[in-house]
Protein backbone atom coordinates (compact mmCIF):
# COMPACT_ATOMS: atom_id res chain seq x y z
CA MET A 1 162.80 106.51 70.55
CA SER A 2 161.51 109.08 68.09
CA ALA A 3 161.63 112.81 68.70
CA GLN A 4 157.85 112.83 69.24
CA GLU A 5 158.11 110.04 71.81
CA GLU A 6 160.90 111.91 73.60
CA ARG A 7 158.75 115.04 73.77
CA ASN A 8 155.78 113.00 75.12
CA ALA A 9 157.96 111.39 77.78
CA LEU A 10 159.20 114.79 78.93
CA THR A 11 155.73 116.41 78.93
CA VAL A 12 154.57 117.21 82.45
CA PRO A 13 150.86 116.32 82.90
CA THR A 14 148.58 119.29 83.47
CA ALA A 15 147.47 119.79 87.05
CA LEU A 16 143.73 119.22 87.46
CA TYR A 17 143.44 122.63 89.10
CA ASP A 18 145.00 124.31 86.07
CA ARG A 19 142.68 122.36 83.77
CA ALA A 20 139.63 123.46 85.76
CA LEU A 21 140.78 127.08 85.87
CA HIS A 22 141.28 127.10 82.11
CA LEU A 23 137.80 125.66 81.52
CA LEU A 24 136.28 128.23 83.86
CA ARG A 25 137.93 131.11 82.02
CA GLU A 26 136.53 129.78 78.75
CA SER A 27 132.99 129.44 80.13
CA PRO A 28 130.46 132.07 79.03
CA ASP A 29 130.35 134.92 81.58
CA GLY A 30 132.89 133.00 83.67
CA VAL A 31 130.13 130.81 85.11
CA PRO A 32 130.48 127.00 85.00
CA PRO A 33 127.97 124.96 83.02
CA ARG A 34 125.40 122.74 84.69
CA ARG A 35 126.88 119.37 85.69
CA GLY A 36 130.37 120.88 85.50
CA HIS A 37 133.08 119.67 83.14
CA SER A 38 134.09 116.11 82.44
CA ARG A 39 137.75 115.13 82.36
CA PRO A 40 139.62 112.32 80.65
CA ARG A 41 139.72 109.22 82.84
CA LYS A 42 142.86 107.15 83.11
CA THR A 43 142.61 103.39 83.47
CA ALA A 44 145.60 101.11 83.86
CA ALA A 45 146.01 99.24 80.57
CA GLY A 46 145.10 95.57 80.81
CA LYS A 47 144.40 95.68 84.54
CA ASP A 48 141.19 95.11 86.43
CA PRO A 49 140.69 97.53 89.35
CA LEU A 50 141.52 96.26 92.80
CA PRO A 51 138.51 95.01 94.79
CA ARG A 52 137.32 97.31 97.55
CA GLU A 53 139.06 95.60 100.49
CA GLU A 54 142.38 95.32 98.68
CA ALA A 55 142.12 98.93 97.52
CA GLU A 56 141.43 100.14 101.08
CA SER A 57 144.50 98.29 102.33
CA ALA A 58 146.64 99.70 99.50
CA ILE A 59 145.45 103.26 100.16
CA ARG A 60 146.32 102.96 103.85
CA GLU A 61 149.75 101.68 102.88
CA ALA A 62 150.29 104.60 100.51
CA LEU A 63 149.40 107.09 103.25
CA SER A 64 151.61 105.53 105.93
CA PRO A 65 153.73 107.40 106.62
CA LEU A 66 152.15 110.54 105.21
CA PRO A 67 154.46 111.66 102.36
CA ASP A 68 156.14 115.06 102.26
CA ASP A 69 155.27 115.91 98.67
CA PRO A 70 152.65 115.17 95.98
CA VAL A 71 155.10 113.31 93.71
CA THR A 72 155.78 110.66 96.35
CA LEU A 73 152.08 110.05 96.93
CA HIS A 74 151.47 109.88 93.19
CA ARG A 75 154.20 107.27 92.79
CA ARG A 76 152.86 105.22 95.70
CA PHE A 77 149.33 105.28 94.27
CA GLU A 78 150.68 104.27 90.86
CA ARG A 79 152.81 101.45 92.29
CA LEU A 80 149.91 100.13 94.37
CA ASP A 81 147.48 100.38 91.42
CA ILE A 82 145.16 102.98 92.95
CA GLN A 83 143.01 104.16 90.04
CA ASP A 84 140.33 106.77 89.34
CA CYS A 85 137.60 104.34 90.36
CA HIS A 86 139.06 104.28 93.89
CA ARG A 87 138.81 108.06 94.40
CA TYR A 88 135.96 107.89 96.93
CA LEU A 89 137.79 105.21 98.93
CA VAL A 90 140.75 107.60 99.01
CA ALA A 91 138.50 110.33 100.44
CA LEU A 92 137.07 108.01 103.10
CA THR A 93 140.50 106.74 104.12
CA VAL A 94 142.04 110.21 104.38
CA ALA A 95 139.04 111.46 106.37
CA GLY A 96 139.71 108.78 109.01
CA LEU A 97 143.52 109.04 108.96
CA PRO A 98 144.99 109.45 112.47
CA LEU A 99 147.02 112.67 112.72
CA SER A 100 149.00 113.74 115.76
CA ALA A 101 149.27 117.41 116.70
CA ASP A 102 152.80 117.67 115.30
CA GLN A 103 151.61 116.30 111.93
CA VAL A 104 148.86 118.83 111.33
CA ASP A 105 150.89 121.60 109.69
CA ALA A 106 152.70 119.20 107.36
CA ALA A 107 149.42 117.48 106.46
CA ARG A 108 147.79 120.83 105.67
CA THR A 109 150.72 121.84 103.47
CA LEU A 110 150.59 118.53 101.65
CA GLY A 111 146.86 118.96 101.12
CA ARG A 112 147.38 122.37 99.56
CA ARG A 113 150.09 121.12 97.24
CA LEU A 114 148.00 118.14 96.16
CA VAL A 115 144.99 120.37 95.44
CA ARG A 116 146.99 122.89 93.41
CA THR A 117 149.44 120.62 91.59
CA GLY A 118 147.96 117.09 91.60
CA THR A 119 147.51 115.56 88.16
CA THR A 120 145.33 112.53 88.98
CA ALA A 121 141.96 112.22 90.68
CA PRO A 122 143.17 110.00 93.56
CA THR A 123 145.98 112.39 94.54
CA VAL A 124 143.82 115.51 94.22
CA ILE A 125 141.00 113.94 96.22
CA ALA A 126 143.50 113.06 98.96
CA GLY A 127 144.35 116.77 99.07
CA ILE A 128 140.68 117.79 99.13
CA ALA A 129 140.02 115.41 102.04
CA LEU A 130 143.01 116.77 103.98
CA LEU A 131 141.81 120.35 103.51
CA GLY A 132 138.31 119.30 104.52
CA ARG A 133 139.85 118.45 107.88
CA LEU A 134 142.59 121.07 108.17
CA GLY A 135 141.87 123.77 105.60
CA GLU A 136 141.58 127.50 106.16
CA PRO A 137 139.76 130.35 104.35
CA GLU A 138 142.62 130.79 101.88
CA ASP A 139 141.93 127.29 100.52
CA VAL A 140 138.31 127.98 99.58
CA PRO A 141 138.93 129.59 96.12
CA TYR A 142 141.16 126.70 94.99
CA LEU A 143 138.64 124.11 96.10
CA SER A 144 135.79 126.00 94.43
CA VAL A 145 137.59 125.91 91.08
CA LEU A 146 138.31 122.18 91.36
CA ALA A 147 134.61 121.54 91.99
CA LEU A 148 133.92 122.36 88.34
CA LEU A 149 135.40 118.99 87.36
CA ARG A 150 132.41 116.68 87.63
CA ASP A 151 134.21 113.81 89.38
CA LEU A 152 135.49 116.15 92.06
CA THR A 153 132.33 118.12 92.83
CA GLY A 154 131.04 115.83 95.58
CA PRO A 155 134.30 115.66 97.58
CA VAL A 156 134.85 119.42 97.20
CA VAL A 157 131.34 120.29 98.40
CA LYS A 158 131.84 118.00 101.39
CA ALA A 159 135.07 119.84 102.27
CA LEU A 160 133.58 123.28 101.67
CA ASP A 161 130.58 122.45 103.85
CA ILE A 162 133.06 122.38 106.72
CA LEU A 163 135.19 125.36 105.67
CA ASP A 164 132.68 127.74 104.13
CA ARG A 165 129.03 126.70 103.89
CA ARG A 166 128.09 129.61 101.59
CA SER A 167 130.81 128.74 99.07
CA ALA A 168 129.75 125.10 99.19
CA ALA A 169 126.19 126.15 98.38
CA VAL A 170 127.26 128.36 95.47
CA VAL A 171 129.34 125.54 93.98
CA TRP A 172 126.56 123.02 94.53
CA LEU A 173 123.97 125.22 92.81
CA ALA A 174 126.31 126.02 89.90
CA VAL A 175 126.92 122.36 89.14
CA TYR A 176 123.78 120.55 90.30
CA ALA A 177 120.83 122.96 89.91
CA ARG A 178 119.13 121.85 86.71
CA SER A 179 116.37 124.39 86.11
CA ASP A 180 116.96 127.22 83.63
CA GLU A 181 114.84 129.44 85.90
CA LEU A 182 117.57 129.24 88.57
CA ARG A 183 120.46 130.29 86.32
CA PRO A 184 120.17 134.10 86.75
CA PHE A 185 120.33 133.62 90.52
CA VAL A 186 123.32 131.28 90.17
CA HIS A 187 125.09 133.78 87.87
CA ALA A 188 124.65 136.54 90.44
CA LEU A 189 126.06 134.33 93.19
CA TRP A 190 129.03 133.11 91.19
CA ALA A 191 129.94 136.64 90.05
CA GLY A 192 129.61 137.98 93.59
CA ALA A 193 127.00 140.48 92.38
CA TRP A 194 125.37 140.79 95.78
CA GLN A 195 123.13 143.68 94.77
CA ALA A 196 121.50 141.32 92.25
CA VAL A 197 121.13 138.36 94.64
CA HIS A 198 118.17 139.87 96.49
CA PRO A 199 115.95 140.61 93.45
CA GLU A 200 116.91 137.33 91.77
CA LEU A 201 116.00 135.41 94.93
CA VAL A 202 112.60 137.11 95.12
CA ALA A 203 112.00 136.23 91.46
CA LEU A 204 112.80 132.54 91.93
CA PRO A 205 110.02 129.98 91.49
CA THR A 206 109.68 127.74 94.55
CA SER A 207 107.32 125.03 93.37
CA PRO A 208 108.53 121.41 93.70
CA ARG A 209 109.06 121.33 89.93
CA PHE A 210 111.96 123.77 90.29
CA VAL A 211 113.02 123.55 93.93
CA GLY A 212 113.44 120.34 95.89
CA SER A 213 114.58 120.21 99.50
CA ALA A 214 118.32 120.19 98.65
CA VAL A 215 118.02 123.11 96.20
CA ALA A 216 116.00 125.08 98.77
CA ARG A 217 118.67 124.57 101.44
CA ARG A 218 121.48 125.56 99.10
CA ILE A 219 119.61 128.66 97.95
CA ALA A 220 119.16 129.74 101.57
CA GLU A 221 122.82 129.06 102.40
CA ALA A 222 124.21 130.73 99.29
CA SER A 223 122.16 133.90 99.72
CA TRP A 224 122.80 134.33 103.46
CA LEU A 225 119.04 134.33 103.90
CA PRO A 226 118.85 135.42 107.57
CA ASP A 227 121.04 138.45 106.83
CA LEU A 228 118.91 139.33 103.79
CA LEU A 229 115.79 139.21 105.96
CA ASP A 230 117.45 141.49 108.54
CA ARG A 231 118.55 143.98 105.85
CA HIS A 232 115.10 144.07 104.25
CA PRO A 233 112.66 143.76 107.19
CA SER A 234 109.68 145.20 105.28
CA ASP A 235 110.09 143.24 102.05
CA THR A 236 107.05 140.96 102.11
CA ASP A 237 108.01 139.28 98.83
CA LEU A 238 111.35 138.23 100.35
CA LEU A 239 109.57 137.16 103.53
CA ALA A 240 107.16 134.94 101.60
CA ARG A 241 110.04 133.47 99.58
CA ALA A 242 111.93 132.65 102.78
CA GLY A 243 108.86 130.88 104.17
CA ARG A 244 108.46 128.86 100.98
CA LEU A 245 112.12 127.80 101.13
CA LEU A 246 111.59 126.53 104.68
CA VAL A 247 108.54 124.58 103.51
CA ARG A 248 110.50 123.06 100.64
CA MET A 249 113.40 122.11 102.96
CA GLY A 250 111.07 120.22 105.27
CA CYS A 251 109.29 118.46 102.42
CA SER A 252 109.06 114.77 103.31
CA ARG A 253 108.65 113.82 99.64
CA ASP A 254 112.28 114.81 99.05
CA ASP A 255 114.92 114.59 101.78
CA PRO A 256 113.68 115.85 105.16
CA THR A 257 117.22 115.93 106.51
CA ASP A 258 117.91 119.06 104.45
CA LEU A 259 115.98 121.13 106.99
CA LEU A 260 118.00 119.59 109.83
CA ALA A 261 121.24 120.27 107.94
CA TYR A 262 120.39 123.96 107.48
CA ARG A 263 122.27 125.68 110.29
CA ASP A 264 120.25 128.90 110.15
CA ALA A 265 116.83 127.23 110.20
CA LEU A 266 115.90 128.65 113.61
CA ARG A 267 116.83 132.20 112.58
CA VAL A 268 114.74 131.96 109.42
CA TYR A 269 111.77 130.50 111.30
CA GLU A 270 112.03 133.37 113.78
CA GLY A 271 112.26 135.92 110.98
CA VAL A 272 109.34 134.52 108.97
CA VAL A 273 106.94 133.82 111.84
CA GLY A 274 107.91 137.00 113.70
CA ARG A 275 107.04 139.18 110.70
CA ALA A 276 104.25 137.05 109.23
CA GLY A 277 101.71 139.73 110.20
CA LEU A 278 103.18 141.93 107.43
CA LEU A 279 102.24 139.43 104.73
CA PRO A 280 99.16 140.09 102.59
CA PRO A 281 96.47 137.46 103.28
CA THR A 282 96.71 135.67 99.94
CA LEU A 283 95.94 132.03 99.32
CA ASP A 284 99.64 131.35 98.66
CA ASN A 285 100.72 132.96 101.93
CA ALA A 286 98.00 131.24 103.95
CA ALA A 287 99.07 127.86 102.54
CA MET A 288 102.73 128.60 103.24
CA LEU A 289 102.08 129.58 106.88
CA LEU A 290 99.85 126.57 107.47
CA SER A 291 102.52 124.29 105.97
CA LEU A 292 105.08 125.78 108.37
CA ALA A 293 102.72 125.18 111.29
CA LEU A 294 102.18 121.54 110.29
CA ASP A 295 105.92 121.00 110.14
CA LEU A 296 106.49 122.72 113.50
CA SER A 297 103.79 120.62 115.16
CA SER A 298 104.48 117.11 113.86
CA GLY A 299 107.08 117.24 111.06
CA THR A 300 110.82 117.57 110.71
CA GLY A 301 110.74 121.07 112.24
CA VAL A 302 110.05 119.49 115.63
CA LEU A 303 113.55 117.95 115.58
CA LEU A 304 115.47 121.23 115.32
CA ASP A 305 117.45 122.31 118.38
CA TRP A 306 114.80 124.64 119.80
CA PRO A 307 115.30 126.52 123.06
CA PRO A 308 112.79 125.30 125.66
CA GLY A 309 109.29 126.50 124.86
CA ARG A 310 110.27 128.48 121.76
CA ARG A 311 108.64 126.20 119.19
CA ALA A 312 105.35 126.38 121.13
CA VAL A 313 105.56 130.18 121.10
CA LEU A 314 105.95 130.26 117.32
CA LEU A 315 103.01 127.89 116.89
CA GLU A 316 100.86 130.08 119.14
CA SER A 317 101.84 133.11 117.07
CA LEU A 318 100.83 131.36 113.84
CA GLU A 319 97.58 130.20 115.42
CA ARG A 320 96.60 133.75 116.42
CA LEU A 321 97.53 135.15 113.03
CA LEU A 322 95.69 132.57 110.93
CA ALA A 323 92.59 132.98 113.14
CA GLU A 324 92.32 136.67 112.21
CA PRO A 325 89.31 137.40 109.95
CA ARG A 326 91.50 138.67 107.10
CA TRP A 327 93.25 135.27 106.89
CA ALA A 328 90.06 133.30 107.38
CA VAL A 329 88.77 134.60 104.02
CA ALA A 330 92.04 134.05 102.13
CA GLY A 331 90.43 131.41 99.93
CA ALA A 332 87.13 133.21 99.39
CA THR A 333 88.17 134.50 95.99
CA ALA A 334 89.33 131.11 94.67
CA THR A 335 88.13 130.71 91.09
CA THR A 336 89.99 127.79 89.51
CA ALA A 337 89.65 124.14 90.51
CA ASP A 338 93.21 124.12 91.87
CA GLN A 339 92.56 127.21 93.97
CA ARG A 340 89.31 125.80 95.34
CA ARG A 341 91.05 122.54 96.18
CA ARG A 342 93.74 124.46 98.05
CA ALA A 343 91.20 126.61 99.90
CA ASP A 344 89.33 123.47 100.93
CA TRP A 345 92.60 121.99 102.25
CA ILE A 346 93.15 125.11 104.37
CA ARG A 347 89.60 124.86 105.78
CA ARG A 348 90.02 121.14 106.60
CA THR A 349 93.53 121.39 107.99
CA GLY A 350 93.61 124.88 109.50
CA ARG A 351 93.15 123.77 113.12
CA GLN A 352 95.16 120.54 113.01
CA PRO A 353 98.67 121.81 113.91
CA PHE A 354 97.34 123.69 116.91
CA GLU A 355 95.34 120.87 118.48
CA LEU A 356 98.02 118.34 119.41
CA PRO A 357 98.06 117.38 123.11
CA ALA A 358 99.72 119.99 125.31
CA THR A 359 101.75 117.25 126.99
CA PRO A 360 102.87 115.00 124.10
CA ASP A 361 103.82 111.94 126.14
CA GLY A 362 103.48 108.45 124.76
CA PHE A 363 102.23 107.40 121.35
CA ARG A 364 100.27 109.29 118.68
CA VAL A 365 99.55 108.93 114.96
CA GLU A 366 98.99 112.22 113.16
CA VAL A 367 97.73 111.92 109.57
CA VAL A 368 98.87 114.98 107.64
CA ALA A 369 97.79 115.91 104.14
CA GLY A 370 100.20 118.43 102.61
CA ASP A 371 99.51 121.41 100.38
CA PRO A 372 97.66 120.08 97.29
CA ALA A 373 99.15 122.81 95.11
CA ASP A 374 102.55 121.18 95.66
CA ARG A 375 101.10 117.66 95.37
CA GLU A 376 102.43 116.94 98.82
CA PRO A 377 101.81 113.38 100.03
CA VAL A 378 99.55 112.22 102.81
CA GLU A 379 101.57 110.60 105.56
CA ALA A 380 100.78 108.90 108.84
CA ARG A 381 103.30 110.55 111.14
CA VAL A 382 104.16 108.39 114.15
CA LEU A 383 105.01 110.53 117.17
CA ILE A 384 106.64 109.13 120.29
CA ASP A 385 106.79 111.61 123.18
CA GLY A 386 105.96 114.35 120.69
CA ARG A 387 108.81 113.61 118.28
CA PRO A 388 108.25 112.26 114.75
CA VAL A 389 110.02 108.91 114.50
CA VAL A 390 110.65 108.62 110.76
CA PRO A 391 112.59 111.85 110.06
CA ALA A 392 114.45 111.41 113.37
CA VAL A 393 116.06 108.13 112.32
CA PHE A 394 115.39 107.62 108.60
CA GLY A 395 116.24 110.57 106.39
CA ARG A 396 115.64 108.95 103.03
CA GLY A 397 111.86 108.94 102.72
CA ARG A 398 108.59 109.95 104.34
CA ALA A 399 106.36 108.00 106.70
CA HIS A 400 103.96 105.69 104.88
CA SER A 401 100.44 106.81 104.03
CA PRO A 402 97.41 106.01 106.20
CA ASP A 403 96.29 103.71 103.37
CA HIS A 404 99.27 101.50 104.17
CA LEU A 405 99.60 101.84 107.94
CA LEU A 406 96.04 102.43 109.16
CA ASP A 407 93.46 101.26 106.63
CA GLU A 408 94.67 97.66 106.79
CA GLY A 409 95.35 97.64 110.53
CA ARG A 410 99.13 97.27 110.32
CA LEU A 411 99.73 99.30 113.50
CA ARG A 412 97.35 97.24 115.61
CA ALA A 413 99.01 95.17 118.32
CA GLY A 414 97.96 91.54 118.17
CA ALA A 415 98.85 88.40 120.03
CA GLU A 416 101.63 87.58 117.58
CA PRO A 417 104.57 89.97 116.96
CA ARG A 418 104.30 91.74 113.61
CA GLU A 419 107.08 93.50 111.69
CA VAL A 420 105.80 96.68 110.05
CA GLN A 421 107.50 98.86 107.45
CA LEU A 422 107.02 102.45 108.65
CA ALA A 423 108.83 104.16 105.77
CA GLU A 424 110.53 103.42 102.48
CA ALA A 425 113.17 105.43 100.66
CA TYR A 426 111.77 107.87 98.11
CA CYS A 427 113.50 105.84 95.36
CA THR A 428 112.87 102.24 96.49
CA GLU A 429 113.87 100.02 99.39
CA GLY A 430 116.20 98.13 97.07
CA CYS A 431 118.06 101.37 96.34
CA CYS A 432 118.24 103.25 99.64
CA GLY A 433 116.46 101.16 102.23
CA ALA A 434 113.44 101.20 104.53
CA LEU A 435 112.58 101.45 108.24
CA TYR A 436 110.90 98.59 110.11
CA VAL A 437 109.71 97.98 113.65
CA THR A 438 108.23 94.93 115.37
CA ILE A 439 104.97 95.52 117.27
CA ARG A 440 103.78 93.08 119.94
CA ARG A 441 101.40 92.99 122.87
CA ASP A 442 102.85 92.14 126.28
CA GLU A 443 99.92 91.76 128.70
CA ASP A 444 98.84 95.35 129.52
CA GLN A 445 101.52 96.96 127.35
CA VAL A 446 102.27 97.34 123.65
CA VAL A 447 105.95 97.09 122.76
CA TRP A 448 107.72 98.59 119.73
CA GLU A 449 111.10 96.91 119.42
CA ASN A 450 113.69 95.33 117.11
CA TRP A 451 113.97 98.43 114.95
CA ARG A 452 115.57 97.59 111.63
CA GLN A 453 116.88 99.68 108.75
CA THR A 454 117.74 98.17 105.42
CA MET A 455 120.55 100.16 103.80
CA PRO A 456 121.73 98.42 100.62
CA GLY A 457 125.41 98.89 99.88
CA SER A 458 126.04 100.97 103.02
CA ARG A 459 128.82 100.16 105.44
CA GLU A 460 127.57 102.67 107.98
CA PRO A 461 125.75 101.13 110.96
CA ALA A 462 122.08 102.04 111.19
CA PRO A 463 121.04 104.13 114.22
CA GLU A 464 119.98 101.96 117.13
CA LEU A 465 116.64 102.66 118.79
CA PRO A 466 115.45 101.43 122.17
CA ALA A 467 112.31 99.42 122.73
CA TYR A 468 109.30 101.59 123.57
CA ARG A 469 106.48 100.46 125.84
CA PHE A 470 102.99 101.97 125.81
CA ASP A 471 99.93 101.40 127.94
CA ALA A 472 97.90 98.93 125.86
CA SER A 473 94.51 100.56 126.52
CA ALA A 474 95.76 104.01 125.57
CA TYR A 475 97.54 102.58 122.52
CA ASP A 476 94.39 100.80 121.30
CA ARG A 477 92.33 103.98 121.72
CA GLU A 478 94.86 105.99 119.73
CA ILE A 479 94.95 103.47 116.88
CA ALA A 480 91.15 103.37 116.80
CA ARG A 481 91.01 107.19 116.73
CA ALA A 482 93.57 107.42 113.92
CA GLU A 483 91.89 104.69 111.84
CA THR A 484 88.46 106.34 112.03
CA ASP A 485 89.55 109.98 111.76
CA CYS A 486 88.63 111.38 108.33
CA SER A 487 89.01 115.07 109.15
CA TRP A 488 92.17 115.29 107.04
CA SER A 489 90.56 113.65 104.01
CA TRP A 490 88.89 115.28 100.99
CA ARG A 491 85.80 113.87 99.34
CA ALA A 492 87.40 111.66 96.66
CA ARG A 493 89.94 110.31 99.12
CA THR A 494 87.15 109.44 101.54
CA VAL A 495 85.26 107.65 98.77
CA ALA A 496 88.37 105.61 97.99
CA ARG A 497 88.92 104.75 101.67
CA LEU A 498 85.33 103.59 102.07
CA ILE A 499 85.54 101.44 98.93
CA LYS A 500 88.76 99.90 100.18
CA ALA A 501 87.25 99.22 103.61
CA GLY A 502 84.28 97.51 101.96
CA LEU A 503 86.51 95.28 99.84
CA ILE A 504 88.64 94.36 102.86
CA GLU A 505 85.47 93.37 104.72
CA GLU A 506 84.05 91.42 101.75
CA PRO A 507 86.93 90.18 99.56
CA ASP A 508 84.62 87.93 97.55
CA VAL A 509 83.15 91.05 95.87
CA LEU A 510 86.18 90.98 93.59
CA SER A 511 87.23 87.35 93.80
CA ARG A 512 84.00 86.22 92.12
CA TRP A 513 85.33 88.00 89.01
CA ASP A 514 88.77 86.34 89.24
CA ALA A 515 90.07 89.66 90.56
CA SER A 516 92.00 90.73 93.65
CA ARG A 517 92.28 94.15 95.26
CA TYR A 518 95.34 96.30 94.60
CA TRP A 519 95.95 100.05 95.04
CA ILE A 520 92.87 102.15 95.91
CA SER A 521 93.14 105.88 96.60
CA SER A 522 92.48 109.29 95.06
CA GLY A 523 94.10 110.07 91.71
CA PHE A 524 97.54 111.69 91.83
CA ASP A 525 96.99 113.82 88.73
CA ALA A 526 93.27 114.19 89.38
CA PRO A 527 92.75 114.31 93.16
CA ASP A 528 88.98 114.81 92.73
CA THR A 529 88.67 111.22 91.51
CA ALA A 530 88.76 107.90 93.35
CA VAL A 531 90.86 105.22 91.65
CA VAL A 532 90.31 101.48 92.12
CA THR A 533 92.94 99.11 90.72
CA PHE A 534 92.80 95.32 90.76
CA TRP A 535 94.62 92.28 89.38
CA TYR A 536 92.95 89.77 87.11
CA VAL A 537 94.02 86.13 86.65
CA PRO A 538 91.52 83.75 84.99
CA GLY A 539 90.51 80.88 87.27
CA THR A 540 91.31 82.59 90.59
CA ALA A 541 87.75 82.18 91.87
CA SER A 542 87.79 78.43 91.24
CA GLY A 543 91.15 78.01 92.92
CA SER A 544 92.85 77.06 89.66
CA PRO A 545 94.48 80.26 88.43
CA GLU A 546 95.62 80.21 84.84
CA ARG A 547 99.20 81.52 84.48
CA ALA A 548 99.19 83.22 87.88
CA GLY A 549 102.57 84.77 87.10
CA SER A 550 101.09 86.81 84.22
CA PRO A 551 98.29 88.91 85.73
CA LEU A 552 96.67 91.94 84.15
CA GLN A 553 96.11 95.10 86.13
CA PHE A 554 92.91 97.13 85.67
CA ARG A 555 92.04 100.69 86.67
CA TRP A 556 88.60 102.15 87.35
CA VAL A 557 88.30 105.94 87.81
CA ILE A 558 85.30 107.25 89.77
CA ARG A 559 84.60 110.96 89.46
CA ASP A 560 83.12 112.91 92.36
CA ASP A 561 79.43 113.44 91.54
CA GLY A 562 78.72 115.78 94.45
CA THR A 563 76.74 113.29 96.54
CA PRO A 564 77.97 112.29 100.02
CA PRO A 565 81.12 110.11 99.97
CA GLU A 566 79.23 107.31 101.77
CA ALA A 567 76.65 107.20 98.98
CA GLN A 568 79.32 107.23 96.24
CA ALA A 569 81.27 104.41 97.92
CA ALA A 570 78.12 102.32 98.42
CA ALA A 571 77.18 102.75 94.75
CA ALA A 572 80.69 101.74 93.66
CA LEU A 573 80.64 98.62 95.86
CA ARG A 574 77.22 97.62 94.48
CA ARG A 575 78.49 97.95 90.92
CA LEU A 576 81.60 95.90 91.72
CA ALA A 577 79.37 93.20 93.19
CA GLU A 578 76.82 93.15 90.36
CA GLU A 579 78.84 93.90 87.20
CA ASP A 580 82.13 92.37 86.09
CA PRO A 581 84.55 95.30 86.66
CA LYS A 582 86.64 94.25 83.65
CA SER A 583 83.75 95.47 81.50
CA TYR A 584 84.13 99.11 82.62
CA ALA A 585 87.69 99.32 83.98
CA THR A 586 90.67 99.61 81.63
CA VAL A 587 93.91 97.67 81.49
CA CYS A 588 96.77 99.63 83.03
CA GLY A 589 99.44 97.00 83.72
CA GLY A 590 100.75 93.58 82.89
CA SER A 591 101.88 92.75 79.36
CA ARG A 592 100.50 93.69 75.95
CA GLU A 593 100.78 90.07 74.80
CA ARG A 594 98.71 88.78 77.74
CA ALA A 595 96.10 91.54 77.29
CA GLU A 596 95.68 90.74 73.59
CA GLU A 597 95.56 87.01 74.35
CA LEU A 598 92.65 87.60 76.77
CA GLY A 599 90.88 90.02 74.43
CA PHE A 600 91.50 93.32 76.26
CA PRO A 601 92.78 96.45 74.48
CA TRP A 602 96.23 97.62 75.54
CA PRO A 603 96.24 101.26 76.69
CA ASP A 604 97.46 103.96 74.33
CA ARG A 605 100.32 105.54 76.30
CA THR A 606 100.12 108.75 74.24
């Protein structure tokens, strides 16, 4: 062995905590970079990682009995071939490890030693998981430093959420918050510059572009928002910012469970609604308060652990406030198209959250259009006994739109049982699942049963729901009311719904042109337009489609011309019936090769 090899063999690997602390000290201003720091990964030479089941068994063997020191655990992991890729299995196994009362102190001590001296990810994560169960305040600074190593951030935040929610939020924001606009606030938090936290919080943007539901929750947790509101009771800018953070937390487009996970949600609701009379009656503030009311009446806010009657009291307070003349004219000075669109939304929606039945028994569908300034979605919220079903059992996406659930009659109860998808994950069903229910008619009742959640890759059992029975006559009336109610809809959306209804009633309007209906709604980027999309396959009308697996998709945009929606929809349906829509619509999907083959220009994506 050479002298160099001897020195390498005697070199003690650097503890991951020491590595993270060194990187932190070298960071500008002592604040970690976004996404944290990477670390070298160690893979056993020439070995494939153990499959999941074998790895779980090996991890349990390594932890039984629980070793007295980090070196022993490291050697067991090495002997049993536990590698970096198994680190999350290590965390899961340690989290479920049985510990008797006389093992607790030794397990806590081992956890601390692993966190401070461990040199591999599996051993350090075992320590993090032990401290997540048994840790104390003195462990928080060590865990916070380790979180700066990217592979360890998730397990550390999970442990800190139990030990110190504020520290967990600061770490989470430091590593995960992506927007440059949030960095001054994060710097103030990380440095403990509490005098700067208040002004930086007030200066934060809270639009969806910068602040999703998770970021909003972590901002509120990191800044001790209820205490800030108590210390600055007359600060209307802080009050408005707190209200916006609540709105963002409950946003169904992101993850509605963030509002439920925020432990101080009730205190912030009380603070915002209780002092809302201090707010100036601006368009922004009116939209924020109305959004809060919509969430408290039929959204995720309903599911918080409210004292009896308290939620109703807050809604009554918001109703009285927004009915005051000074709030009624909040949108009178709107000048831009976006402002006018928002003011129109307030006029259409202003009474909706305050008109739900006083006794919310049974079944109801509440179609809610969110704040257009935030491009909030339209969702058909299904309420059973006053509680919204989707956020109660499926926290990975919003309820489907009325276009999906109502316009095509999917919620109607027919003679044959029908499985209906009520919600899909905000990514896709194939990624994070969907929520289904089977609807059937049973003589004078309608039954919702056989609830099913698809959760790809998850080993956690889906929540079980009971079968619900509703009076069939009352159910049919409610579905008919929801299907025909257009009070939530704006002009272009109504035009689109009427066009869609006409094409459902007369499908041959499109089929005569070898076309079939696809997505029809208002434009996402241009909500004052109605958008009709359809598929085209030559030969469909004759029953002999040519290359049915290679359709082209077309898009026709109809701008609001100021005439009644019924007249605009009737004109659009006449044109679809009389003129080949491929002559005025544009290709928007399919393949370039197929478009060129059929003589249609491919869209210029620039």
